[in-house]
Amino acid sequence: MKQISIGNGAMNASELALGCMRDCRIPFEEAESLVLTAVEEGINYFDHADVYGFGDAELVFGRILDRNPGLRNRIRIQSKCTLIRDADKTLYLDTTKKHILESVDGSLQRLHTDYLDTYMLHHPDTLIEPEEVAEAFDILQASGKVRYFGVSNFKMMDLAYLQSCLKQKLIINQMQLSVAHTELIDSTNSIKLNEKDNIDRNGSVLTYMRMMGITAQAWSPFQVGFYGGVFMGDPNYPALNQAVDRMCEEKGVSPSALAIAWILRHPAKIQPLIGTTNKERLKDICTASNVELSREEWYELYRATLTDEGRVQLGNSNQKPVK
């Protein structure tokens, strides 16, 4: 497993990370085996949030650490706070100093560790008071409870504004990205074929992050839209699946590995968050580290998604986009 620099030198980590949101939904023995398999494959970065399983995902991971002495020193753990939820929906967002400090203590207790490598705000909060966030981060850093800080789902100006109020450098921003959900990179691409594509939805946040040395983590790296399921085998993405299947046959890899290789090919050194709970699938996905995509292949997959979404037609360039 290749290593990448997180936050422009803040720390090194595996180029793939394991998202642990669903670990509490499988038997404990399977969750433990999954984590140990990830470590065997070279993954040393594990993603959590206080809201995953309402804390149960962190509890499971804490048990795994207890049962495997020395494991904590070999890995990096990050967690997040902000979302206040019930069983059905998000009720509100909370980035107050009190909530951040309490959330960190809760995560540390559940994870059975005395520090987090990275702590993140899970979502931008319209009512955020950055001075409170700054106070909380100062306390957490001074106490040794958190080494580094980041955010998730922040657009450019929200990210820049928060950073301007902090002493600590934000080293990570998690954003949704897959070959079938390319909003993060659309604004930095010159393949603009109609008005829909020319809308800058995130303020060129990826370009800003590259300029500021902030690592992008890609969540849901196989998913279509927010709750659209995976693109593999989706009849709404025939051109993409056809291109993927052909390249997989040529390279001797699976569609999952190719989809991750497509993200890894980006020069921003994006770190995909893998959310599978199947250790065999995890092993297969990890082969993406050995897959090389040419510039032509990368753009072919990107353009296939545009075709499937009716944003570009193959063949006659005078054809109008499909509505």
C-alpha atoms as a PDB file:
ATOM      1  CA  MET A   1       0.000   0.000   0.000  1.00  0.00           C
ATOM      2  CA  LYS A   2       1.416   3.357  -1.016  1.00  0.00           C
ATOM      3  CA  GLN A   3       1.740   6.147   1.543  1.00  0.00           C
ATOM      4  CA  ILE A   4       0.659   9.733   0.941  1.00  0.00           C
ATOM      5  CA  SER A   5       1.336  13.001   2.714  1.00  0.00           C
ATOM      6  CA  ILE A   6      -1.729  14.238   4.608  1.00  0.00           C
ATOM      7  CA  GLY A   7      -2.086  17.989   4.938  1.00  0.00           C
ATOM      8  CA  ASN A   8       1.072  18.796   3.002  1.00  0.00           C
ATOM      9  CA  GLY A   9       3.395  17.040   5.415  1.00  0.00           C
ATOM     10  CA  ALA A  10       1.400  17.044   8.650  1.00  0.00           C
ATOM     11  CA  MET A  11       1.555  13.247   8.684  1.00  0.00           C
ATOM     12  CA  ASN A  12       1.886  10.263   6.360  1.00  0.00           C
ATOM     13  CA  ALA A  13      -0.829   7.648   5.920  1.00  0.00           C
ATOM     14  CA  SER A  14      -1.970   4.898   3.579  1.00  0.00           C
ATOM     15  CA  GLU A  15      -3.477   6.157   0.335  1.00  0.00           C
ATOM     16  CA  LEU A  16      -6.687   4.273   1.183  1.00  0.00           C
ATOM     17  CA  ALA A  17      -8.631   4.680   4.430  1.00  0.00           C
ATOM     18  CA  LEU A  18     -11.294   2.444   5.956  1.00  0.00           C
ATOM     19  CA  GLY A  19     -14.600   4.065   6.862  1.00  0.00           C
ATOM     20  CA  CYS A  20     -16.009   2.384   9.967  1.00  0.00           C
ATOM     21  CA  MET A  21     -19.608   3.642   9.890  1.00  0.00           C
ATOM     22  CA  ARG A  22     -21.125   0.182   9.337  1.00  0.00           C
ATOM     23  CA  ASP A  23     -18.873  -1.864  11.602  1.00  0.00           C
ATOM     24  CA  CYS A  24     -21.560  -1.945  14.291  1.00  0.00           C
ATOM     25  CA  ARG A  25     -24.019  -3.574  11.860  1.00  0.00           C
ATOM     26  CA  ILE A  26     -22.076  -6.816  11.530  1.00  0.00           C
ATOM     27  CA  PRO A  27     -21.042  -9.418  14.135  1.00  0.00           C
ATOM     28  CA  PHE A  28     -18.117  -8.284  16.246  1.00  0.00           C
ATOM     29  CA  GLU A  29     -15.845 -11.090  15.025  1.00  0.00           C
ATOM     30  CA  GLU A  30     -16.418  -9.958  11.416  1.00  0.00           C
ATOM     31  CA  ALA A  31     -15.720  -6.340  12.302  1.00  0.00           C
ATOM     32  CA  GLU A  32     -12.476  -7.300  14.031  1.00  0.00           C
ATOM     33  CA  SER A  33     -11.414  -9.444  11.100  1.00  0.00           C
ATOM     34  CA  LEU A  34     -12.193  -6.584   8.715  1.00  0.00           C
ATOM     35  CA  VAL A  35     -10.012  -4.123  10.627  1.00  0.00           C
ATOM     36  CA  LEU A  36      -7.132  -6.580  10.932  1.00  0.00           C
ATOM     37  CA  THR A  37      -7.409  -7.411   7.244  1.00  0.00           C
ATOM     38  CA  ALA A  38      -7.214  -3.699   6.445  1.00  0.00           C
ATOM     39  CA  VAL A  39      -4.015  -3.424   8.484  1.00  0.00           C
ATOM     40  CA  GLU A  40      -2.558  -6.495   6.757  1.00  0.00           C
ATOM     41  CA  GLU A  41      -3.303  -4.864   3.394  1.00  0.00           C
ATOM     42  CA  GLY A  42      -1.424  -1.734   4.465  1.00  0.00           C
ATOM     43  CA  ILE A  43      -4.325   0.509   5.489  1.00  0.00           C
ATOM     44  CA  ASN A  44      -3.453   2.477   8.616  1.00  0.00           C
ATOM     45  CA  TYR A  45      -6.130   5.217   8.538  1.00  0.00           C
ATOM     46  CA  PHE A  46      -9.593   4.665  10.062  1.00  0.00           C
ATOM     47  CA  ASP A  47     -12.523   7.068   9.855  1.00  0.00           C
ATOM     48  CA  HIS A  48     -15.223   7.483  12.520  1.00  0.00           C
ATOM     49  CA  ALA A  49     -17.897   9.937  13.675  1.00  0.00           C
ATOM     50  CA  ASP A  50     -19.814  10.229  16.907  1.00  0.00           C
ATOM     51  CA  VAL A  51     -23.060   9.817  14.971  1.00  0.00           C
ATOM     52  CA  TYR A  52     -22.161   6.485  13.320  1.00  0.00           C
ATOM     53  CA  GLY A  53     -24.427   3.964  14.960  1.00  0.00           C
ATOM     54  CA  PHE A  54     -25.067   6.647  17.599  1.00  0.00           C
ATOM     55  CA  GLY A  55     -21.649   5.810  19.034  1.00  0.00           C
ATOM     56  CA  ASP A  56     -21.824   2.040  18.562  1.00  0.00           C
ATOM     57  CA  ALA A  57     -19.314   2.035  15.684  1.00  0.00           C
ATOM     58  CA  GLU A  58     -16.709   3.639  17.936  1.00  0.00           C
ATOM     59  CA  LEU A  59     -17.535   1.185  20.734  1.00  0.00           C
ATOM     60  CA  VAL A  60     -16.870  -1.736  18.401  1.00  0.00           C
ATOM     61  CA  PHE A  61     -13.546  -0.249  17.329  1.00  0.00           C
ATOM     62  CA  GLY A  62     -12.593   0.352  20.961  1.00  0.00           C
ATOM     63  CA  ARG A  63     -13.143  -3.343  21.707  1.00  0.00           C
ATOM     64  CA  ILE A  64     -10.969  -4.241  18.721  1.00  0.00           C
ATOM     65  CA  LEU A  65      -8.162  -2.053  20.069  1.00  0.00           C
ATOM     66  CA  ASP A  66      -8.476  -3.670  23.506  1.00  0.00           C
ATOM     67  CA  ARG A  67      -8.225  -7.160  22.040  1.00  0.00           C
ATOM     68  CA  ASN A  68      -5.197  -6.317  19.919  1.00  0.00           C
ATOM     69  CA  PRO A  69      -2.468  -4.731  22.061  1.00  0.00           C
ATOM     70  CA  GLY A  70      -0.106  -2.531  20.088  1.00  0.00           C
ATOM     71  CA  LEU A  71      -2.580  -1.927  17.273  1.00  0.00           C
ATOM     72  CA  ARG A  72      -3.281   1.670  18.312  1.00  0.00           C
ATOM     73  CA  ASN A  73       0.359   2.629  17.817  1.00  0.00           C
ATOM     74  CA  ARG A  74       0.297   1.300  14.242  1.00  0.00           C
ATOM     75  CA  ILE A  75      -2.746   3.194  12.997  1.00  0.00           C
ATOM     76  CA  ARG A  76      -4.291   6.655  12.704  1.00  0.00           C
ATOM     77  CA  ILE A  77      -7.824   7.344  13.903  1.00  0.00           C
ATOM     78  CA  GLN A  78     -10.055  10.270  13.034  1.00  0.00           C
ATOM     79  CA  SER A  79     -13.538  11.117  14.229  1.00  0.00           C
ATOM     80  CA  LYS A  80     -16.077  13.860  13.667  1.00  0.00           C
ATOM     81  CA  CYS A  81     -18.914  15.768  15.311  1.00  0.00           C
ATOM     82  CA  THR A  82     -21.642  18.251  14.366  1.00  0.00           C
ATOM     83  CA  LEU A  83     -24.732  16.206  13.476  1.00  0.00           C
ATOM     84  CA  ILE A  84     -27.470  15.873  16.079  1.00  0.00           C
ATOM     85  CA  ARG A  85     -29.801  13.107  14.890  1.00  0.00           C
ATOM     86  CA  ASP A  86     -32.662  10.910  15.888  1.00  0.00           C
ATOM     87  CA  ALA A  87     -33.359   7.556  14.223  1.00  0.00           C
ATOM     88  CA  ASP A  88     -34.797   9.128  11.069  1.00  0.00           C
ATOM     89  CA  LYS A  89     -33.157  12.447  10.334  1.00  0.00           C
ATOM     90  CA  THR A  90     -30.731  15.187  11.300  1.00  0.00           C
ATOM     91  CA  LEU A  91     -32.390  17.456  13.844  1.00  0.00           C
ATOM     92  CA  TYR A  92     -29.787  20.224  13.859  1.00  0.00           C
ATOM     93  CA  LEU A  93     -26.069  20.983  13.676  1.00  0.00           C
ATOM     94  CA  ASP A  94     -23.931  21.903  16.669  1.00  0.00           C
ATOM     95  CA  THR A  95     -20.451  23.415  16.435  1.00  0.00           C
ATOM     96  CA  THR A  96     -20.445  25.066  19.852  1.00  0.00           C
ATOM     97  CA  LYS A  97     -17.380  24.839  22.038  1.00  0.00           C
ATOM     98  CA  LYS A  98     -19.298  22.803  24.608  1.00  0.00           C
ATOM     99  CA  HIS A  99     -20.499  20.249  22.072  1.00  0.00           C
ATOM    100  CA  ILE A 100     -17.104  19.834  20.394  1.00  0.00           C
ATOM    101  CA  LEU A 101     -15.327  19.230  23.713  1.00  0.00           C
ATOM    102  CA  GLU A 102     -18.005  16.816  24.942  1.00  0.00           C
ATOM    103  CA  SER A 103     -18.036  14.972  21.632  1.00  0.00           C
ATOM    104  CA  VAL A 104     -14.262  14.452  21.669  1.00  0.00           C
ATOM    105  CA  ASP A 105     -14.394  13.100  25.215  1.00  0.00           C
ATOM    106  CA  GLY A 106     -17.188  10.742  24.228  1.00  0.00           C
ATOM    107  CA  SER A 107     -15.279   9.461  21.199  1.00  0.00           C
ATOM    108  CA  LEU A 108     -12.104   8.938  23.226  1.00  0.00           C
ATOM    109  CA  GLN A 109     -14.021   6.981  25.843  1.00  0.00           C
ATOM    110  CA  ARG A 110     -15.765   4.767  23.291  1.00  0.00           C
ATOM    111  CA  LEU A 111     -12.605   4.195  21.249  1.00  0.00           C
ATOM    112  CA  HIS A 112     -10.545   3.401  24.345  1.00  0.00           C
ATOM    113  CA  THR A 113      -7.754   5.747  23.343  1.00  0.00           C
ATOM    114  CA  ASP A 114      -6.354   8.901  24.874  1.00  0.00           C
ATOM    115  CA  TYR A 115      -5.911  10.847  21.628  1.00  0.00           C
ATOM    116  CA  LEU A 116      -7.248  11.222  18.097  1.00  0.00           C
ATOM    117  CA  ASP A 117      -4.948  11.781  15.171  1.00  0.00           C
ATOM    118  CA  THR A 118      -7.511  13.995  13.440  1.00  0.00           C
ATOM    119  CA  TYR A 119     -10.772  15.552  14.570  1.00  0.00           C
ATOM    120  CA  MET A 120     -13.235  17.087  12.135  1.00  0.00           C
ATOM    121  CA  LEU A 121     -16.389  19.126  11.897  1.00  0.00           C
ATOM    122  CA  HIS A 122     -18.763  16.777  10.062  1.00  0.00           C
ATOM    123  CA  HIS A 123     -20.863  19.383   8.237  1.00  0.00           C
ATOM    124  CA  PRO A 124     -20.831  23.167   7.825  1.00  0.00           C
ATOM    125  CA  ASP A 125     -23.112  24.802  10.368  1.00  0.00           C
ATOM    126  CA  THR A 126     -24.998  27.937   9.311  1.00  0.00           C
ATOM    127  CA  LEU A 127     -24.969  29.097  12.939  1.00  0.00           C
ATOM    128  CA  ILE A 128     -21.250  28.454  13.422  1.00  0.00           C
ATOM    129  CA  GLU A 129     -19.376  30.849  15.703  1.00  0.00           C
ATOM    130  CA  PRO A 130     -15.770  30.311  14.615  1.00  0.00           C
ATOM    131  CA  GLU A 131     -14.389  31.886  17.772  1.00  0.00           C
ATOM    132  CA  GLU A 132     -15.965  29.034  19.753  1.00  0.00           C
ATOM    133  CA  VAL A 133     -14.515  26.450  17.385  1.00  0.00           C
ATOM    134  CA  ALA A 134     -11.108  28.099  17.757  1.00  0.00           C
ATOM    135  CA  GLU A 135     -11.327  27.966  21.561  1.00  0.00           C
ATOM    136  CA  ALA A 136     -12.309  24.304  21.471  1.00  0.00           C
ATOM    137  CA  PHE A 137      -9.505  23.384  19.077  1.00  0.00           C
ATOM    138  CA  ASP A 138      -6.956  25.248  21.228  1.00  0.00           C
ATOM    139  CA  ILE A 139      -8.057  23.304  24.309  1.00  0.00           C
ATOM    140  CA  LEU A 140      -8.018  19.967  22.494  1.00  0.00           C
ATOM    141  CA  GLN A 141      -4.571  20.544  21.043  1.00  0.00           C
ATOM    142  CA  ALA A 142      -3.076  21.800  24.306  1.00  0.00           C
ATOM    143  CA  SER A 143      -4.479  18.817  26.210  1.00  0.00           C
ATOM    144  CA  GLY A 144      -3.051  16.349  23.687  1.00  0.00           C
ATOM    145  CA  LYS A 145      -6.469  14.898  22.931  1.00  0.00           C
ATOM    146  CA  VAL A 146      -6.297  15.831  19.232  1.00  0.00           C
ATOM    147  CA  ARG A 147      -3.189  16.096  17.045  1.00  0.00           C
ATOM    148  CA  TYR A 148      -4.690  17.605  13.867  1.00  0.00           C
ATOM    149  CA  PHE A 149      -7.981  19.075  12.679  1.00  0.00           C
ATOM    150  CA  GLY A 150     -10.118  18.998   9.568  1.00  0.00           C
ATOM    151  CA  VAL A 151     -13.635  19.357   8.206  1.00  0.00           C
ATOM    152  CA  SER A 152     -16.078  17.460   6.049  1.00  0.00           C
ATOM    153  CA  ASN A 153     -18.388  18.674   3.266  1.00  0.00           C
ATOM    154  CA  PHE A 154     -17.117  22.275   3.431  1.00  0.00           C
ATOM    155  CA  LYS A 155     -17.198  24.411   0.302  1.00  0.00           C
ATOM    156  CA  MET A 156     -14.393  26.817  -0.458  1.00  0.00           C
ATOM    157  CA  MET A 157     -15.475  30.002   1.304  1.00  0.00           C
ATOM    158  CA  ASP A 158     -16.752  28.148   4.391  1.00  0.00           C
ATOM    159  CA  LEU A 159     -13.409  26.369   4.557  1.00  0.00           C
ATOM    160  CA  ALA A 160     -11.394  29.559   4.012  1.00  0.00           C
ATOM    161  CA  TYR A 161     -13.411  31.511   6.571  1.00  0.00           C
ATOM    162  CA  LEU A 162     -13.030  28.900   9.288  1.00  0.00           C
ATOM    163  CA  GLN A 163      -9.317  28.561   8.596  1.00  0.00           C
ATOM    164  CA  SER A 164      -8.871  32.329   8.963  1.00  0.00           C
ATOM    165  CA  CYS A 165     -10.138  32.062  12.543  1.00  0.00           C
ATOM    166  CA  LEU A 166      -7.942  29.156  13.649  1.00  0.00           C
ATOM    167  CA  LYS A 167      -4.375  28.843  14.858  1.00  0.00           C
ATOM    168  CA  GLN A 168      -4.302  25.229  13.663  1.00  0.00           C
ATOM    169  CA  LYS A 169      -4.022  24.321   9.997  1.00  0.00           C
ATOM    170  CA  LEU A 170      -7.002  22.354   8.676  1.00  0.00           C
ATOM    171  CA  ILE A 171      -5.382  19.348   7.017  1.00  0.00           C
ATOM    172  CA  ILE A 172      -8.383  17.446   5.566  1.00  0.00           C
ATOM    173  CA  ASN A 173     -11.728  18.118   3.929  1.00  0.00           C
ATOM    174  CA  GLN A 174     -13.970  15.142   3.184  1.00  0.00           C
ATOM    175  CA  MET A 175     -16.087  15.465   0.035  1.00  0.00           C
ATOM    176  CA  GLN A 176     -18.237  13.071  -1.955  1.00  0.00           C
ATOM    177  CA  LEU A 177     -16.509  11.850  -5.107  1.00  0.00           C
ATOM    178  CA  SER A 178     -16.853   8.879  -7.406  1.00  0.00           C
ATOM    179  CA  VAL A 179     -16.509   8.327 -11.132  1.00  0.00           C
ATOM    180  CA  ALA A 180     -20.330   8.510 -11.191  1.00  0.00           C
ATOM    181  CA  HIS A 181     -20.522  11.605  -8.945  1.00  0.00           C
ATOM    182  CA  THR A 182     -17.979  14.123 -10.219  1.00  0.00           C
ATOM    183  CA  GLU A 183     -19.259  17.414  -8.826  1.00  0.00           C
ATOM    184  CA  LEU A 184     -16.038  17.956  -6.865  1.00  0.00           C
ATOM    185  CA  ILE A 185     -13.947  18.044 -10.034  1.00  0.00           C
ATOM    186  CA  ASP A 186     -16.428  19.389 -12.595  1.00  0.00           C
ATOM    187  CA  SER A 187     -15.578  23.002 -11.829  1.00  0.00           C
ATOM    188  CA  THR A 188     -11.890  22.353 -12.585  1.00  0.00           C
ATOM    189  CA  ASN A 189     -12.539  20.622 -15.910  1.00  0.00           C
ATOM    190  CA  SER A 190     -12.656  22.166 -19.340  1.00  0.00           C
ATOM    191  CA  ILE A 191     -15.192  19.666 -20.712  1.00  0.00           C
ATOM    192  CA  LYS A 192     -18.131  22.032 -20.338  1.00  0.00           C
ATOM    193  CA  LEU A 193     -20.849  21.252 -22.797  1.00  0.00           C
ATOM    194  CA  ASN A 194     -23.980  22.966 -21.539  1.00  0.00           C
ATOM    195  CA  GLU A 195     -25.211  25.344 -18.857  1.00  0.00           C
ATOM    196  CA  LYS A 196     -25.518  22.606 -16.241  1.00  0.00           C
ATOM    197  CA  ASP A 197     -21.807  21.849 -16.440  1.00  0.00           C
ATOM    198  CA  ASN A 198     -20.785  25.482 -16.137  1.00  0.00           C
ATOM    199  CA  ILE A 199     -22.388  25.885 -12.726  1.00  0.00           C
ATOM    200  CA  ASP A 200     -19.677  26.066 -10.071  1.00  0.00           C
ATOM    201  CA  ARG A 201     -21.361  24.312  -7.155  1.00  0.00           C
ATOM    202  CA  ASN A 202     -18.520  24.214  -4.677  1.00  0.00           C
ATOM    203  CA  GLY A 203     -16.413  27.305  -5.353  1.00  0.00           C
ATOM    204  CA  SER A 204     -13.554  25.338  -6.934  1.00  0.00           C
ATOM    205  CA  VAL A 205     -12.877  23.897  -3.498  1.00  0.00           C
ATOM    206  CA  LEU A 206     -10.500  21.206  -4.774  1.00  0.00           C
ATOM    207  CA  THR A 207      -8.259  23.789  -6.440  1.00  0.00           C
ATOM    208  CA  TYR A 208      -8.273  25.827  -3.224  1.00  0.00           C
ATOM    209  CA  MET A 209      -7.399  22.755  -1.175  1.00  0.00           C
ATOM    210  CA  ARG A 210      -4.476  21.902  -3.443  1.00  0.00           C
ATOM    211  CA  MET A 211      -3.216  25.462  -3.157  1.00  0.00           C
ATOM    212  CA  MET A 212      -3.485  25.409   0.661  1.00  0.00           C
ATOM    213  CA  GLY A 213      -2.120  21.890   1.171  1.00  0.00           C
ATOM    214  CA  ILE A 214      -5.392  20.416   2.424  1.00  0.00           C
ATOM    215  CA  THR A 215      -5.950  16.727   1.649  1.00  0.00           C
ATOM    216  CA  ALA A 216      -9.239  15.683   0.073  1.00  0.00           C
ATOM    217  CA  GLN A 217     -10.854  12.490   1.323  1.00  0.00           C
ATOM    218  CA  ALA A 218     -13.439  10.951  -1.009  1.00  0.00           C
ATOM    219  CA  TRP A 219     -16.475   9.420   0.651  1.00  0.00           C
ATOM    220  CA  SER A 220     -18.907   7.082  -1.148  1.00  0.00           C
ATOM    221  CA  PRO A 221     -16.356   6.370  -3.910  1.00  0.00           C
ATOM    222  CA  PHE A 222     -18.714   3.990  -5.754  1.00  0.00           C
ATOM    223  CA  GLN A 223     -22.000   5.802  -5.298  1.00  0.00           C
ATOM    224  CA  VAL A 224     -24.308   7.657  -7.664  1.00  0.00           C
ATOM    225  CA  GLY A 225     -25.542  10.891  -6.095  1.00  0.00           C
ATOM    226  CA  PHE A 226     -26.268  11.060  -2.376  1.00  0.00           C
ATOM    227  CA  TYR A 227     -28.446   7.950  -2.020  1.00  0.00           C
ATOM    228  CA  GLY A 228     -28.278   6.567  -5.554  1.00  0.00           C
ATOM    229  CA  GLY A 229     -26.539   3.264  -4.836  1.00  0.00           C
ATOM    230  CA  VAL A 230     -23.407   2.050  -6.608  1.00  0.00           C
ATOM    231  CA  PHE A 231     -22.890   2.693 -10.309  1.00  0.00           C
ATOM    232  CA  MET A 232     -21.661  -0.861 -11.060  1.00  0.00           C
ATOM    233  CA  GLY A 233     -24.450  -2.621 -12.898  1.00  0.00           C
ATOM    234  CA  ASP A 234     -26.734   0.404 -12.753  1.00  0.00           C
ATOM    235  CA  PRO A 235     -28.740   0.449 -16.028  1.00  0.00           C
ATOM    236  CA  ASN A 236     -28.729   4.246 -15.932  1.00  0.00           C
ATOM    237  CA  TYR A 237     -24.952   4.215 -16.505  1.00  0.00           C
ATOM    238  CA  PRO A 238     -24.470   1.967 -19.555  1.00  0.00           C
ATOM    239  CA  ALA A 239     -21.628   3.936 -21.161  1.00  0.00           C
ATOM    240  CA  LEU A 240     -19.678   4.114 -17.906  1.00  0.00           C
ATOM    241  CA  ASN A 241     -20.145   0.424 -17.127  1.00  0.00           C
ATOM    242  CA  GLN A 242     -19.187  -0.540 -20.668  1.00  0.00           C
ATOM    243  CA  ALA A 243     -15.959   1.451 -20.448  1.00  0.00           C
ATOM    244  CA  VAL A 244     -15.211   0.118 -16.960  1.00  0.00           C
ATOM    245  CA  ASP A 245     -15.821  -3.500 -17.983  1.00  0.00           C
ATOM    246  CA  ARG A 246     -13.535  -3.173 -20.989  1.00  0.00           C
ATOM    247  CA  MET A 247     -10.702  -1.627 -18.977  1.00  0.00           C
ATOM    248  CA  CYS A 248     -11.128  -4.198 -16.211  1.00  0.00           C
ATOM    249  CA  GLU A 249     -10.717  -7.006 -18.728  1.00  0.00           C
ATOM    250  CA  GLU A 250      -7.660  -5.324 -20.201  1.00  0.00           C
ATOM    251  CA  LYS A 251      -6.013  -4.750 -16.823  1.00  0.00           C
ATOM    252  CA  GLY A 252      -7.226  -7.881 -15.017  1.00  0.00           C
ATOM    253  CA  VAL A 253      -8.900  -6.009 -12.154  1.00  0.00           C
ATOM    254  CA  SER A 254     -12.413  -5.613 -10.750  1.00  0.00           C
ATOM    255  CA  PRO A 255     -14.742  -2.633 -11.336  1.00  0.00           C
ATOM    256  CA  SER A 256     -14.321  -1.644  -7.680  1.00  0.00           C
ATOM    257  CA  ALA A 257     -10.536  -1.519  -7.979  1.00  0.00           C
ATOM    258  CA  LEU A 258     -10.774   0.458 -11.224  1.00  0.00           C
ATOM    259  CA  ALA A 259     -13.187   2.968  -9.658  1.00  0.00           C
ATOM    260  CA  ILE A 260     -10.736   3.591  -6.828  1.00  0.00           C
ATOM    261  CA  ALA A 261      -7.811   3.774  -9.249  1.00  0.00           C
ATOM    262  CA  TRP A 262      -9.689   6.519 -11.100  1.00  0.00           C
ATOM    263  CA  ILE A 263      -9.750   8.606  -7.898  1.00  0.00           C
ATOM    264  CA  LEU A 264      -6.124   7.818  -7.068  1.00  0.00           C
ATOM    265  CA  ARG A 265      -5.043   8.958 -10.545  1.00  0.00           C
ATOM    266  CA  HIS A 266      -5.941  12.561  -9.704  1.00  0.00           C
ATOM    267  CA  PRO A 267      -2.799  14.593  -8.897  1.00  0.00           C
ATOM    268  CA  ALA A 268      -4.393  16.041  -5.760  1.00  0.00           C
ATOM    269  CA  LYS A 269      -3.537  12.751  -3.983  1.00  0.00           C
ATOM    270  CA  ILE A 270      -7.138  12.216  -2.898  1.00  0.00           C
ATOM    271  CA  GLN A 271      -7.581   9.578  -0.193  1.00  0.00           C
ATOM    272  CA  PRO A 272     -10.659   7.369  -0.825  1.00  0.00           C
ATOM    273  CA  LEU A 273     -12.674   6.247   2.206  1.00  0.00           C
ATOM    274  CA  ILE A 274     -13.629   2.597   1.708  1.00  0.00           C
ATOM    275  CA  GLY A 275     -16.866   1.687   3.497  1.00  0.00           C
ATOM    276  CA  THR A 276     -17.187  -2.028   2.773  1.00  0.00           C
ATOM    277  CA  THR A 277     -17.741  -4.508   5.601  1.00  0.00           C
ATOM    278  CA  ASN A 278     -16.658  -7.467   3.458  1.00  0.00           C
ATOM    279  CA  LYS A 279     -12.988  -8.293   3.972  1.00  0.00           C
ATOM    280  CA  GLU A 280     -12.654 -10.119   0.653  1.00  0.00           C
ATOM    281  CA  ARG A 281     -14.028  -7.111  -1.198  1.00  0.00           C
ATOM    282  CA  LEU A 282     -11.658  -4.914   0.800  1.00  0.00           C
ATOM    283  CA  LYS A 283      -8.706  -7.016  -0.358  1.00  0.00           C
ATOM    284  CA  ASP A 284      -9.904  -6.663  -3.925  1.00  0.00           C
ATOM    285  CA  ILE A 285     -10.302  -2.887  -3.617  1.00  0.00           C
ATOM    286  CA  CYS A 286      -6.779  -2.591  -2.236  1.00  0.00           C
ATOM    287  CA  THR A 287      -5.413  -3.857  -5.555  1.00  0.00           C
ATOM    288  CA  ALA A 288      -6.266  -0.389  -6.906  1.00  0.00           C
ATOM    289  CA  SER A 289      -2.870   0.720  -5.647  1.00  0.00           C
ATOM    290  CA  ASN A 290      -1.308  -1.308  -8.460  1.00  0.00           C
ATOM    291  CA  VAL A 291      -3.611  -0.080 -11.249  1.00  0.00           C
ATOM    292  CA  GLU A 292      -2.265   2.573 -13.594  1.00  0.00           C
ATOM    293  CA  LEU A 293      -4.636   4.698 -15.657  1.00  0.00           C
ATOM    294  CA  SER A 294      -3.413   6.797 -18.525  1.00  0.00           C
ATOM    295  CA  ARG A 295      -4.649  10.327 -19.046  1.00  0.00           C
ATOM    296  CA  GLU A 296      -6.738   9.071 -21.972  1.00  0.00           C
ATOM    297  CA  GLU A 297      -8.326   6.308 -19.878  1.00  0.00           C
ATOM    298  CA  TRP A 298      -9.106   8.671 -17.010  1.00  0.00           C
ATOM    299  CA  TYR A 299     -10.881  11.102 -19.309  1.00  0.00           C
ATOM    300  CA  GLU A 300     -12.707   8.313 -21.110  1.00  0.00           C
ATOM    301  CA  LEU A 301     -14.310   7.249 -17.829  1.00  0.00           C
ATOM    302  CA  TYR A 302     -15.127  10.842 -16.952  1.00  0.00           C
ATOM    303  CA  ARG A 303     -16.725  11.468 -20.337  1.00  0.00           C
ATOM    304  CA  ALA A 304     -18.704   8.229 -20.091  1.00  0.00           C
ATOM    305  CA  THR A 305     -20.418   9.589 -17.001  1.00  0.00           C
ATOM    306  CA  LEU A 306     -21.277  12.796 -18.851  1.00  0.00           C
ATOM    307  CA  THR A 307     -22.796  10.706 -21.641  1.00  0.00           C
ATOM    308  CA  ASP A 308     -24.911   8.629 -19.265  1.00  0.00           C
ATOM    309  CA  GLU A 309     -26.213  11.760 -17.566  1.00  0.00           C
ATOM    310  CA  GLY A 310     -27.289  13.244 -20.895  1.00  0.00           C
ATOM    311  CA  ARG A 311     -24.720  16.005 -20.681  1.00  0.00           C
ATOM    312  CA  VAL A 312     -22.947  14.980 -23.892  1.00  0.00           C
ATOM    313  CA  GLN A 313     -23.850  12.810 -26.859  1.00  0.00           C
ATOM    314  CA  LEU A 314     -21.453  10.471 -28.594  1.00  0.00           C
ATOM    315  CA  GLY A 315     -21.205  10.826 -32.365  1.00  0.00           C
ATOM    316  CA  ASN A 316     -22.793  13.884 -33.959  1.00  0.00           C
ATOM    317  CA  SER A 317     -21.475  16.934 -32.139  1.00  0.00           C
ATOM    318  CA  ASN A 318     -24.492  18.949 -33.341  1.00  0.00           C
ATOM    319  CA  GLN A 319     -26.894  16.837 -31.301  1.00  0.00           C
ATOM    320  CA  LYS A 320     -28.527  18.540 -28.365  1.00  0.00           C
ATOM    321  CA  PRO A 321     -27.947  17.117 -24.872  1.00  0.00           C
ATOM    322  CA  VAL A 322     -30.583  14.618 -23.760  1.00  0.00           C
ATOM    323  CA  LYS A 323     -32.943  16.138 -21.239  1.00  0.00           C
END
